[in-house]
Amino acid sequence: MNASTEALPVVVIGAGPIGLAAAARLIERDIQPLVLEAGPAAASAVREWAHLRLFSTWGEVVDPAAEKLLAPTGWVKPNADTYPSGGDWAELYLQPLADALGDKVRYGTTVTGVSRTGRDRIVDADRESQPFVIQYTAAGGHEERIFARAVVDASGTWSTPGPAGGSGLPALGEKSAADRVTYRVPDLKDPAVRARYAGKRTAVIGSGASAFTALAYLADLARADDGGGTHGLWILRRGISGSTFGGGEADQLPARGALGLAAKAAVDGGYADAVTGFRTGAVERDGDGRLVLVGEDGRRLDPVDEVVVLTGFRPDLTFLDELRLGLDERLQAPTELAPLIDPNQHSCGTVYPHGASELSHPEKDVYLAGMKSYGRAPTFLAMTGYEQVRSIAAALAGDREAAERVELTLPETGVCGGAGLFDQPAAAEEAGGGCCATPTTLTIGVPASSGGC
C-alpha cells in the first residue's frame, strides 16, 4: 500500500451496531472511517424490528470503544442488567453513537459496487497496491464514487430473508401471494397489523427464535378480547425433538430460553398446531382467496389467511462481485470462519471468538463483519461482532498481536454438546437468523423480560 492509499479512509458499509462499532474501533486506532448507510438514519434495519426485545442485556450490546466515544457527549448508559428492545437500542445507543461520529456517517448511500481501482476481478498486476473504489447511489438517485484503503462490509442480511420454499427457492406462487405473505415477525401492537391477524388462521414457517416469537405473539392475540378465533399453524421441515424449543432453563441467556418455552406453551395450550416434515413446494389460492400450502410431497394443508415466513436470512453479495472473496460453498461465510459457525455443530454461545484471521479473504483488506460474515448461519450475537471489529481494526493498524488476541467470553446456549444446537442437519435451513429477538411481553407462563442476540 502506498502513502497516498494509506491516507484514504476505511469505508464501513452499514451504520448498524457492528458498523458503528467498527468506526469507533478504527478511531481508537487513529484510522479514519467513513460509514455508508443506505437508510435515512442509523440502525435502519434494527428499527424495522423495534417492537422486539433483545436476548442480551444492555451490558452486552454496547461496544466498549463506542462507549468511550460517547462519554464526552454526556451519554448515560442504560441499566446494564435490563433488556433493550430494538427501538431502545436504536434510539438510546446507536443513533447517539452515529451522531457522535458526525460527518463520518453518510446516510442515503446505497453501495452498488466495490472493486480495486483500475482492476477488475481478473487482473493480478499490482493489485494490492491499488485503493478500493466504492460506487454508490446517493440521496436523490445520482451515482458517486469514493476511494478507500480498506473495506468493512457490515451491511447485515436483513434485506434478504429466506423464502418459504423447502428447496431454498421461492415456492411456486409465493411471489404472487405477496399480499398475504410476510418475512418479518408481525408487530401486533400496531392496530393495523393487529387487525390483519386477529381472528385469522396464520401459518408460521420456520423453527428458530423468530418463529418462536411469532407463535408467542399469536397465542397472546388469541387470548385477547379482540383476538377470538386467532390460530397458528406451525410449519416445520423436520420433526419435533428435545432440542426443538432450545435450551429452556439451561440456557445461559435466560431470555432466549424463555422464548422457546413460550413457543412450546403456545403449542401445548392449543393456540397453534404443528405440522412436521413439511417442505413447502407451492402456495395456491382457494376460491375464497385464502392460501393453501402444498408440500413437495403433494400434501395439501387446510387454507390459511396469512403466512409468516421466518426461514433465516442470506447475504447480499452482488455488489462485491468484483472482489476476490473466499467463501464457504454452503454457508457463504468466510472460509476460515465457516467451520466455527456451522449450525449443525454450534449455537451462538459455542462459537469460538474470532477475528481478522478468520474473516480475511484472498482480496487483502476486505472484511465481512457482523451478521454478514455469518452468511446463512443463524444465531449471531452482537458481542461476537464487537470482537470481530476490534480485531479487524487492530489488523488494519498493523497490530497483529492484538488482532489475534481473544478478548471475549460468550454465554453458553444450554443445548450444545454432541451434535450441538441442531441435532438434525435440516434444522439449519429453517432457523431464524440475525440478531435474534423476542416479544416485548411474553405472557404464556414465562418471564416478561426477553431478548435478542
Protein backbone atom coordinates (compact mmCIF):
# COMPACT_ATOMS: atom_id res chain seq x y z
CA MET A 1 0.00 0.00 0.00
CA ASN A 2 1.45 3.39 -0.96
CA ALA A 3 1.35 6.57 1.12
CA SER A 4 -1.50 8.10 -0.84
CA THR A 5 -3.61 4.99 -0.32
CA GLU A 6 -2.88 4.92 3.41
CA ALA A 7 -4.28 8.44 3.69
CA LEU A 8 -7.66 7.25 2.46
CA PRO A 9 -10.44 6.27 4.88
CA VAL A 10 -11.59 2.77 5.70
CA VAL A 11 -15.08 2.53 4.27
CA VAL A 12 -17.57 0.74 6.51
CA ILE A 13 -20.78 -0.35 4.81
CA GLY A 14 -23.75 -0.15 7.16
CA ALA A 15 -24.48 2.06 10.19
CA GLY A 16 -25.89 -0.73 12.30
CA PRO A 17 -24.47 -1.90 15.64
CA ILE A 18 -21.42 -3.62 14.14
CA GLY A 19 -20.69 -0.98 11.50
CA LEU A 20 -20.79 1.83 14.06
CA ALA A 21 -18.65 -0.21 16.47
CA ALA A 22 -16.16 -0.72 13.63
CA ALA A 23 -15.96 3.06 13.17
CA ALA A 24 -15.38 3.56 16.90
CA ARG A 25 -12.63 0.93 16.92
CA LEU A 26 -10.93 2.50 13.89
CA ILE A 27 -10.95 5.92 15.54
CA GLU A 28 -9.44 4.32 18.63
CA ARG A 29 -6.60 3.23 16.32
CA ASP A 30 -6.27 6.69 14.71
CA ILE A 31 -7.65 5.37 11.43
CA GLN A 32 -10.22 7.47 9.61
CA PRO A 33 -13.53 5.66 8.99
CA LEU A 34 -16.33 6.58 6.63
CA VAL A 35 -19.64 4.81 7.24
CA LEU A 36 -22.05 4.49 4.31
CA GLU A 37 -25.66 3.83 5.35
CA ALA A 38 -28.45 3.16 2.87
CA GLY A 39 -31.19 4.27 5.26
CA PRO A 40 -32.10 7.78 6.43
CA ALA A 41 -30.86 7.19 9.98
CA ALA A 42 -28.58 4.92 11.97
CA ALA A 43 -29.65 1.31 12.51
CA SER A 44 -32.32 1.37 9.80
CA ALA A 45 -32.64 -2.42 9.86
CA VAL A 46 -32.88 -2.55 13.66
CA ARG A 47 -35.68 0.00 13.53
CA GLU A 48 -37.70 -2.43 11.42
CA TRP A 49 -37.86 -4.78 14.40
CA ALA A 50 -38.18 -2.05 17.01
CA HIS A 51 -41.04 -3.97 18.69
CA LEU A 52 -38.82 -6.95 19.55
CA ARG A 53 -36.60 -7.27 22.58
CA LEU A 54 -33.02 -8.48 22.59
CA PHE A 55 -31.83 -11.71 24.20
CA SER A 56 -28.83 -9.83 25.57
CA THR A 57 -28.78 -7.13 28.23
CA TRP A 58 -27.63 -3.57 27.75
CA GLY A 59 -24.35 -4.61 29.35
CA GLU A 60 -23.74 -6.98 26.44
CA VAL A 61 -24.82 -4.84 23.48
CA VAL A 62 -22.73 -1.68 24.00
CA ASP A 63 -19.27 -1.80 22.46
CA PRO A 64 -16.52 -0.57 24.86
CA ALA A 65 -14.84 1.67 22.27
CA ALA A 66 -18.20 3.15 21.33
CA GLU A 67 -18.94 3.82 24.99
CA LYS A 68 -15.69 5.76 25.28
CA LEU A 69 -16.54 7.77 22.18
CA LEU A 70 -19.95 8.62 23.65
CA ALA A 71 -18.68 9.61 27.10
CA PRO A 72 -17.75 13.23 26.22
CA THR A 73 -21.26 13.82 24.84
CA GLY A 74 -22.85 13.22 28.25
CA TRP A 75 -24.40 9.94 27.14
CA VAL A 76 -25.58 7.78 30.02
CA LYS A 77 -25.55 4.02 29.58
CA PRO A 78 -28.90 2.37 30.40
CA ASN A 79 -29.12 -0.12 33.25
CA ALA A 80 -26.70 -2.89 32.27
CA ASP A 81 -28.97 -5.66 33.57
CA THR A 82 -32.07 -4.74 31.57
CA TYR A 83 -33.06 -5.90 28.08
CA PRO A 84 -33.48 -3.27 25.36
CA SER A 85 -35.97 -3.54 22.54
CA GLY A 86 -34.77 -2.94 19.01
CA GLY A 87 -36.27 0.54 19.25
CA ASP A 88 -34.43 1.21 22.51
CA TRP A 89 -31.16 0.02 21.01
CA ALA A 90 -31.55 2.30 18.01
CA GLU A 91 -32.72 5.42 19.82
CA LEU A 92 -30.79 5.25 23.09
CA TYR A 93 -27.43 3.98 21.80
CA LEU A 94 -26.97 3.55 18.06
CA GLN A 95 -28.29 6.92 16.88
CA PRO A 96 -26.36 8.82 19.60
CA LEU A 97 -23.25 6.91 18.54
CA ALA A 98 -23.80 7.84 14.90
CA ASP A 99 -24.36 11.46 15.96
CA ALA A 100 -21.07 11.40 17.87
CA LEU A 101 -19.33 10.18 14.70
CA GLY A 102 -20.71 13.23 12.89
CA ASP A 103 -19.74 13.57 9.23
CA LYS A 104 -18.04 10.18 9.35
CA VAL A 105 -21.51 8.72 8.70
CA ARG A 106 -23.33 9.35 5.42
CA TYR A 107 -26.99 8.44 5.10
CA GLY A 108 -28.98 7.65 1.99
CA THR A 109 -25.99 5.99 0.31
CA THR A 110 -26.68 2.59 -1.21
CA VAL A 111 -23.48 0.80 -2.19
CA THR A 112 -23.83 -0.77 -5.65
CA GLY A 113 -20.29 -1.99 -6.28
CA VAL A 114 -16.82 -2.40 -4.77
CA SER A 115 -13.61 -3.07 -6.71
CA ARG A 116 -9.91 -2.25 -6.90
CA THR A 117 -9.19 0.95 -8.77
CA GLY A 118 -8.39 0.05 -12.37
CA ARG A 119 -8.51 -3.67 -11.61
CA ASP A 120 -11.49 -5.92 -12.19
CA ARG A 121 -11.70 -9.35 -10.60
CA ILE A 122 -9.41 -10.93 -13.22
CA VAL A 123 -6.39 -8.61 -13.17
CA ASP A 124 -3.42 -9.62 -10.96
CA ALA A 125 -0.85 -6.94 -11.79
CA ASP A 126 -0.09 -4.56 -8.94
CA ARG A 127 -3.49 -5.35 -7.44
CA GLU A 128 -2.85 -4.97 -3.71
CA SER A 129 -1.26 -1.53 -4.09
CA GLN A 130 -4.41 -0.09 -5.65
CA PRO A 131 -7.05 1.59 -3.47
CA PHE A 132 -10.59 0.33 -3.41
CA VAL A 133 -13.28 2.16 -5.33
CA ILE A 134 -16.78 2.12 -3.88
CA GLN A 135 -19.66 3.09 -6.14
CA TYR A 136 -22.95 4.09 -4.56
CA THR A 137 -26.27 5.72 -5.24
CA ALA A 138 -26.63 8.86 -3.17
CA ALA A 139 -29.74 10.60 -1.93
CA GLY A 140 -31.56 11.95 -4.95
CA GLY A 141 -30.59 8.98 -7.10
CA HIS A 142 -27.30 10.18 -8.59
CA GLU A 143 -24.26 7.89 -8.64
CA GLU A 144 -20.99 8.70 -6.91
CA ARG A 145 -17.65 7.07 -6.17
CA ILE A 146 -15.30 7.19 -3.24
CA PHE A 147 -11.89 5.61 -2.69
CA ALA A 148 -10.74 3.66 0.36
CA ARG A 149 -7.70 1.92 1.83
CA ALA A 150 -9.85 -0.94 3.15
CA VAL A 151 -13.49 -2.05 3.22
CA VAL A 152 -15.50 -3.49 6.12
CA ASP A 153 -18.91 -4.74 4.97
CA ALA A 154 -21.22 -4.72 7.99
CA SER A 155 -24.42 -4.35 5.96
CA GLY A 156 -26.07 -7.39 7.54
CA THR A 157 -28.56 -9.77 5.95
CA TRP A 158 -31.89 -8.23 6.94
CA SER A 159 -32.79 -7.20 3.39
CA THR A 160 -32.55 -10.75 2.02
CA PRO A 161 -34.78 -13.13 4.01
CA GLY A 162 -35.07 -16.79 3.08
CA PRO A 163 -38.11 -17.97 1.10
CA ALA A 164 -40.93 -20.32 2.08
CA GLY A 165 -39.89 -22.92 -0.47
CA GLY A 166 -38.41 -26.07 1.04
CA SER A 167 -35.66 -26.31 -1.60
CA GLY A 168 -34.20 -22.87 -0.92
CA LEU A 169 -36.10 -21.37 -3.85
CA PRO A 170 -39.36 -19.43 -3.56
CA ALA A 171 -42.31 -21.79 -3.58
CA LEU A 172 -44.39 -21.75 -6.73
CA GLY A 173 -46.92 -18.97 -6.30
CA GLU A 174 -45.10 -17.45 -3.32
CA LYS A 175 -44.34 -14.17 -5.08
CA SER A 176 -47.86 -13.78 -6.44
CA ALA A 177 -49.22 -14.27 -2.92
CA ALA A 178 -47.13 -11.38 -1.59
CA ASP A 179 -50.20 -9.57 -0.26
CA ARG A 180 -50.71 -12.38 2.27
CA VAL A 181 -47.06 -13.30 2.96
CA THR A 182 -44.60 -11.51 5.26
CA TYR A 183 -40.99 -12.29 6.14
CA ARG A 184 -40.97 -10.37 9.41
CA VAL A 185 -42.38 -11.02 12.88
CA PRO A 186 -45.63 -9.02 12.91
CA ASP A 187 -45.90 -6.10 15.31
CA LEU A 188 -49.25 -6.92 16.86
CA LYS A 189 -49.22 -3.74 18.92
CA ASP A 190 -49.74 -1.80 15.71
CA PRO A 191 -53.55 -1.56 15.31
CA ALA A 192 -53.46 -2.07 11.53
CA VAL A 193 -51.18 -5.09 11.81
CA ARG A 194 -53.20 -6.48 14.69
CA ALA A 195 -56.40 -6.27 12.64
CA ARG A 196 -54.70 -8.19 9.85
CA TYR A 197 -54.08 -11.24 12.08
CA ALA A 198 -56.88 -11.06 14.66
CA GLY A 199 -59.37 -13.87 14.24
CA LYS A 200 -57.35 -15.30 11.36
CA ARG A 201 -55.55 -18.55 10.75
CA THR A 202 -51.83 -17.88 10.22
CA ALA A 203 -49.11 -20.28 9.07
CA VAL A 204 -45.67 -19.70 10.60
CA ILE A 205 -42.85 -21.33 8.63
CA GLY A 206 -39.54 -21.77 10.47
CA SER A 207 -38.06 -23.25 13.64
CA GLY A 208 -35.77 -20.56 15.01
CA ALA A 209 -36.15 -17.75 17.51
CA SER A 210 -38.18 -15.63 15.10
CA ALA A 211 -40.73 -18.42 14.64
CA PHE A 212 -40.93 -18.84 18.42
CA THR A 213 -41.62 -15.13 18.68
CA ALA A 214 -44.41 -15.20 16.11
CA LEU A 215 -46.06 -18.19 17.79
CA ALA A 216 -45.95 -16.47 21.18
CA TYR A 217 -47.40 -13.28 19.69
CA LEU A 218 -50.26 -15.12 18.03
CA ALA A 219 -51.03 -17.00 21.25
CA ASP A 220 -51.21 -13.71 23.15
CA LEU A 221 -53.54 -12.32 20.49
CA ALA A 222 -55.75 -15.44 20.63
CA ARG A 223 -56.36 -14.88 24.34
CA ALA A 224 -57.08 -11.16 23.97
CA ASP A 225 -60.59 -9.74 23.80
CA ASP A 226 -60.16 -8.78 20.14
CA GLY A 227 -58.37 -11.99 19.14
CA GLY A 228 -61.09 -14.63 19.21
CA GLY A 229 -60.54 -17.22 16.51
CA THR A 230 -56.84 -16.40 16.07
CA HIS A 231 -54.90 -19.59 15.47
CA GLY A 232 -51.38 -20.52 14.38
CA LEU A 233 -50.22 -23.31 12.12
CA TRP A 234 -46.55 -24.03 12.76
CA ILE A 235 -44.80 -25.46 9.71
CA LEU A 236 -41.55 -27.37 10.41
CA ARG A 237 -39.39 -29.01 7.77
CA ARG A 238 -38.28 -31.60 10.32
CA GLY A 239 -39.82 -33.35 13.30
CA ILE A 240 -40.13 -32.15 16.89
CA SER A 241 -37.36 -33.37 19.18
CA GLY A 242 -35.93 -32.49 22.57
CA SER A 243 -33.94 -29.60 21.12
CA THR A 244 -36.74 -28.08 19.04
CA PHE A 245 -37.58 -25.47 21.67
CA GLY A 246 -34.00 -24.55 22.54
CA GLY A 247 -32.25 -24.70 25.88
CA GLY A 248 -35.09 -23.65 28.17
CA GLU A 249 -33.98 -23.14 31.75
CA ALA A 250 -30.49 -24.45 30.92
CA ASP A 251 -29.77 -21.53 28.56
CA GLN A 252 -27.25 -19.06 29.97
CA LEU A 253 -29.13 -16.35 28.10
CA PRO A 254 -32.33 -16.73 30.18
CA ALA A 255 -34.48 -14.68 27.83
CA ARG A 256 -33.56 -16.89 24.91
CA GLY A 257 -34.50 -19.98 26.87
CA ALA A 258 -37.78 -18.37 27.96
CA LEU A 259 -38.71 -17.74 24.34
CA GLY A 260 -38.51 -21.42 23.44
CA LEU A 261 -40.64 -22.26 26.44
CA ALA A 262 -43.21 -19.69 25.32
CA ALA A 263 -43.43 -21.30 21.88
CA LYS A 264 -43.87 -24.72 23.48
CA ALA A 265 -46.64 -23.34 25.67
CA ALA A 266 -48.39 -21.94 22.60
CA VAL A 267 -48.47 -25.39 21.03
CA ASP A 268 -49.29 -27.24 24.25
CA GLY A 269 -52.06 -24.75 25.01
CA GLY A 270 -53.78 -25.34 21.68
CA TYR A 271 -53.06 -21.88 20.26
CA ALA A 272 -51.07 -23.40 17.40
CA ASP A 273 -50.92 -26.75 15.63
CA ALA A 274 -47.58 -28.15 14.50
CA VAL A 275 -47.17 -29.69 11.05
CA THR A 276 -43.88 -31.60 10.87
CA GLY A 277 -41.81 -32.87 7.97
CA PHE A 278 -43.46 -30.39 5.60
CA ARG A 279 -41.45 -28.72 2.85
CA THR A 280 -43.46 -26.11 1.01
CA GLY A 281 -43.49 -26.57 -2.74
CA ALA A 282 -46.30 -24.23 -3.75
CA VAL A 283 -48.62 -21.54 -2.43
CA GLU A 284 -52.05 -21.60 -4.05
CA ARG A 285 -55.28 -19.64 -3.56
CA ASP A 286 -58.60 -21.31 -2.96
CA GLY A 287 -61.95 -20.00 -4.23
CA ASP A 288 -62.21 -17.60 -1.28
CA GLY A 289 -58.77 -16.11 -1.86
CA ARG A 290 -57.21 -17.88 1.14
CA LEU A 291 -53.81 -19.55 0.81
CA VAL A 292 -53.22 -23.27 0.56
CA LEU A 293 -49.72 -24.57 1.24
CA VAL A 294 -48.79 -27.56 -0.89
CA GLY A 295 -45.88 -29.75 0.19
CA GLU A 296 -43.17 -31.05 -2.11
CA ASP A 297 -44.63 -34.49 -1.32
CA GLY A 298 -48.07 -33.42 -2.56
CA ARG A 299 -49.68 -32.86 0.84
CA ARG A 300 -52.18 -30.01 0.92
CA LEU A 301 -52.86 -28.17 4.17
CA ASP A 302 -56.14 -26.56 5.13
CA PRO A 303 -56.41 -22.93 3.96
CA VAL A 304 -54.84 -20.11 5.94
CA ASP A 305 -55.41 -16.36 5.83
CA GLU A 306 -51.80 -15.27 6.28
CA VAL A 307 -48.31 -16.77 6.03
CA VAL A 308 -45.32 -15.63 8.08
CA VAL A 309 -42.06 -16.93 6.60
CA LEU A 310 -39.17 -16.97 9.10
CA THR A 311 -36.57 -19.22 7.49
CA GLY A 312 -33.46 -17.18 8.15
CA PHE A 313 -31.51 -14.70 6.06
CA ARG A 314 -28.90 -14.68 3.31
CA PRO A 315 -26.03 -12.33 2.50
CA ASP A 316 -26.34 -9.99 -0.48
CA LEU A 317 -23.02 -10.48 -2.25
CA THR A 318 -23.97 -8.91 -5.58
CA PHE A 319 -22.18 -5.60 -5.02
CA LEU A 320 -18.97 -7.42 -4.02
CA ASP A 321 -18.77 -9.40 -7.24
CA GLU A 322 -15.55 -7.74 -8.49
CA LEU A 323 -13.68 -8.68 -5.31
CA ARG A 324 -11.88 -11.96 -4.69
CA LEU A 325 -13.75 -13.38 -1.73
CA GLY A 326 -13.04 -16.73 -0.12
CA LEU A 327 -16.45 -18.07 0.88
CA ASP A 328 -17.63 -21.44 2.12
CA GLU A 329 -19.72 -23.17 -0.52
CA ARG A 330 -22.53 -23.98 1.94
CA LEU A 331 -22.81 -21.09 4.36
CA GLN A 332 -21.45 -18.28 2.14
CA ALA A 333 -19.33 -17.24 5.12
CA PRO A 334 -15.53 -16.66 5.06
CA THR A 335 -13.80 -19.98 4.51
CA GLU A 336 -11.87 -20.00 7.80
CA LEU A 337 -14.90 -18.91 9.81
CA ALA A 338 -17.43 -21.38 8.39
CA PRO A 339 -16.36 -24.45 10.45
CA LEU A 340 -16.62 -22.38 13.62
CA ILE A 341 -20.24 -21.32 12.99
CA ASP A 342 -21.64 -24.42 11.28
CA PRO A 343 -25.20 -24.57 12.70
CA ASN A 344 -25.07 -28.36 12.69
CA GLN A 345 -22.38 -28.10 15.36
CA HIS A 346 -22.72 -24.72 17.05
CA SER A 347 -25.12 -22.22 18.57
CA CYS A 348 -24.19 -18.57 19.06
CA GLY A 349 -22.86 -19.45 22.53
CA THR A 350 -20.46 -22.17 21.35
CA VAL A 351 -18.82 -20.23 18.52
CA TYR A 352 -15.17 -19.66 19.38
CA PRO A 353 -14.39 -15.92 19.42
CA HIS A 354 -12.72 -14.98 16.17
CA GLY A 355 -11.29 -12.00 14.35
CA ALA A 356 -9.33 -10.73 11.39
CA SER A 357 -7.56 -14.00 10.60
CA GLU A 358 -10.78 -15.98 10.23
CA LEU A 359 -12.51 -13.10 8.43
CA SER A 360 -9.84 -12.39 5.83
CA HIS A 361 -10.19 -13.08 2.10
CA PRO A 362 -7.88 -13.54 -0.87
CA GLU A 363 -8.64 -9.84 -1.50
CA LYS A 364 -6.44 -8.15 1.10
CA ASP A 365 -8.05 -5.60 3.45
CA VAL A 366 -11.61 -6.64 2.72
CA TYR A 367 -13.68 -7.95 5.63
CA LEU A 368 -17.26 -9.08 6.06
CA ALA A 369 -18.25 -8.36 9.66
CA GLY A 370 -21.29 -8.83 11.83
CA MET A 371 -24.22 -10.90 10.61
CA LYS A 372 -22.94 -10.54 7.03
CA SER A 373 -19.89 -12.60 8.00
CA TYR A 374 -22.11 -15.48 9.12
CA GLY A 375 -23.58 -15.92 5.64
CA ARG A 376 -26.56 -18.23 6.06
CA ALA A 377 -25.67 -19.36 9.58
CA PRO A 378 -28.13 -18.20 12.27
CA THR A 379 -27.93 -17.06 15.91
CA PHE A 380 -25.36 -14.27 15.73
CA LEU A 381 -24.51 -12.36 18.91
CA ALA A 382 -23.71 -8.63 18.99
CA MET A 383 -20.82 -9.42 21.33
CA THR A 384 -19.28 -11.59 18.63
CA GLY A 385 -19.48 -8.74 16.12
CA TYR A 386 -17.85 -6.30 18.52
CA GLU A 387 -14.95 -8.71 18.97
CA GLN A 388 -14.69 -9.09 15.19
CA VAL A 389 -14.29 -5.37 14.54
CA ARG A 390 -11.90 -4.89 17.45
CA SER A 391 -9.63 -7.45 15.81
CA ILE A 392 -10.12 -6.02 12.31
CA ALA A 393 -9.19 -2.51 13.44
CA ALA A 394 -6.06 -3.88 15.11
CA ALA A 395 -5.10 -5.74 11.93
CA LEU A 396 -5.56 -2.64 9.78
CA ALA A 397 -3.37 -0.73 12.25
CA GLY A 398 -0.65 -3.37 11.85
CA ASP A 399 -1.01 -4.68 15.41
CA ARG A 400 -1.07 -8.41 14.71
CA GLU A 401 -0.68 -9.37 18.37
CA ALA A 402 -3.85 -7.51 19.32
CA ALA A 403 -5.66 -8.75 16.22
CA GLU A 404 -5.03 -12.37 17.18
CA ARG A 405 -5.77 -11.95 20.88
CA VAL A 406 -9.13 -13.17 22.20
CA GLU A 407 -10.97 -10.64 24.38
CA LEU A 408 -14.39 -12.21 24.64
CA THR A 409 -16.20 -14.87 26.67
CA LEU A 410 -19.61 -15.94 25.37
CA PRO A 411 -22.55 -17.38 27.32
CA GLU A 412 -23.42 -20.98 26.55
CA THR A 413 -26.72 -21.94 24.98
CA GLY A 414 -27.51 -24.82 27.31
CA VAL A 415 -28.41 -27.13 24.42
CA CYS A 416 -24.97 -27.67 22.98
CA GLY A 417 -22.98 -30.83 23.16
CA GLY A 418 -22.99 -33.82 20.86
CA ALA A 419 -24.42 -32.55 17.62
CA GLY A 420 -24.99 -29.11 19.13
CA LEU A 421 -27.99 -26.84 18.85
CA PHE A 422 -29.35 -28.58 15.78
CA ASP A 423 -29.46 -32.33 16.17
CA GLN A 424 -30.56 -32.76 12.56
CA PRO A 425 -28.91 -31.06 9.57
CA ALA A 426 -32.27 -29.88 8.25
CA ALA A 427 -32.68 -27.59 11.23
CA ALA A 428 -30.18 -25.07 9.93
CA GLU A 429 -32.16 -24.32 6.81
CA GLU A 430 -35.20 -23.04 8.65
CA ALA A 431 -33.69 -21.40 11.71
CA GLY A 432 -34.25 -17.69 12.01
CA GLY A 433 -31.06 -15.74 11.56
CA GLY A 434 -29.81 -12.34 12.58
CA CYS A 435 -29.75 -10.77 15.98
CA CYS A 436 -32.48 -12.98 17.32
CA ALA A 437 -35.23 -11.18 19.17
CA THR A 438 -38.37 -11.84 21.15
CA PRO A 439 -41.64 -10.12 22.00
CA THR A 440 -41.58 -7.24 24.44
CA THR A 441 -44.02 -9.23 26.58
CA LEU A 442 -44.41 -12.97 26.93
CA THR A 443 -47.41 -13.85 28.99
CA ILE A 444 -47.57 -17.60 28.47
CA GLY A 445 -46.10 -18.69 31.77
CA VAL A 446 -42.61 -17.28 31.23
CA PRO A 447 -40.76 -14.16 32.43
CA ALA A 448 -41.68 -10.94 30.65
CA SER A 449 -38.05 -9.99 30.15
CA SER A 450 -36.85 -11.43 26.92
CA GLY A 451 -34.34 -10.53 24.31
CA GLY A 452 -32.28 -10.88 21.16
CA CYS A 453 -28.74 -11.79 20.47
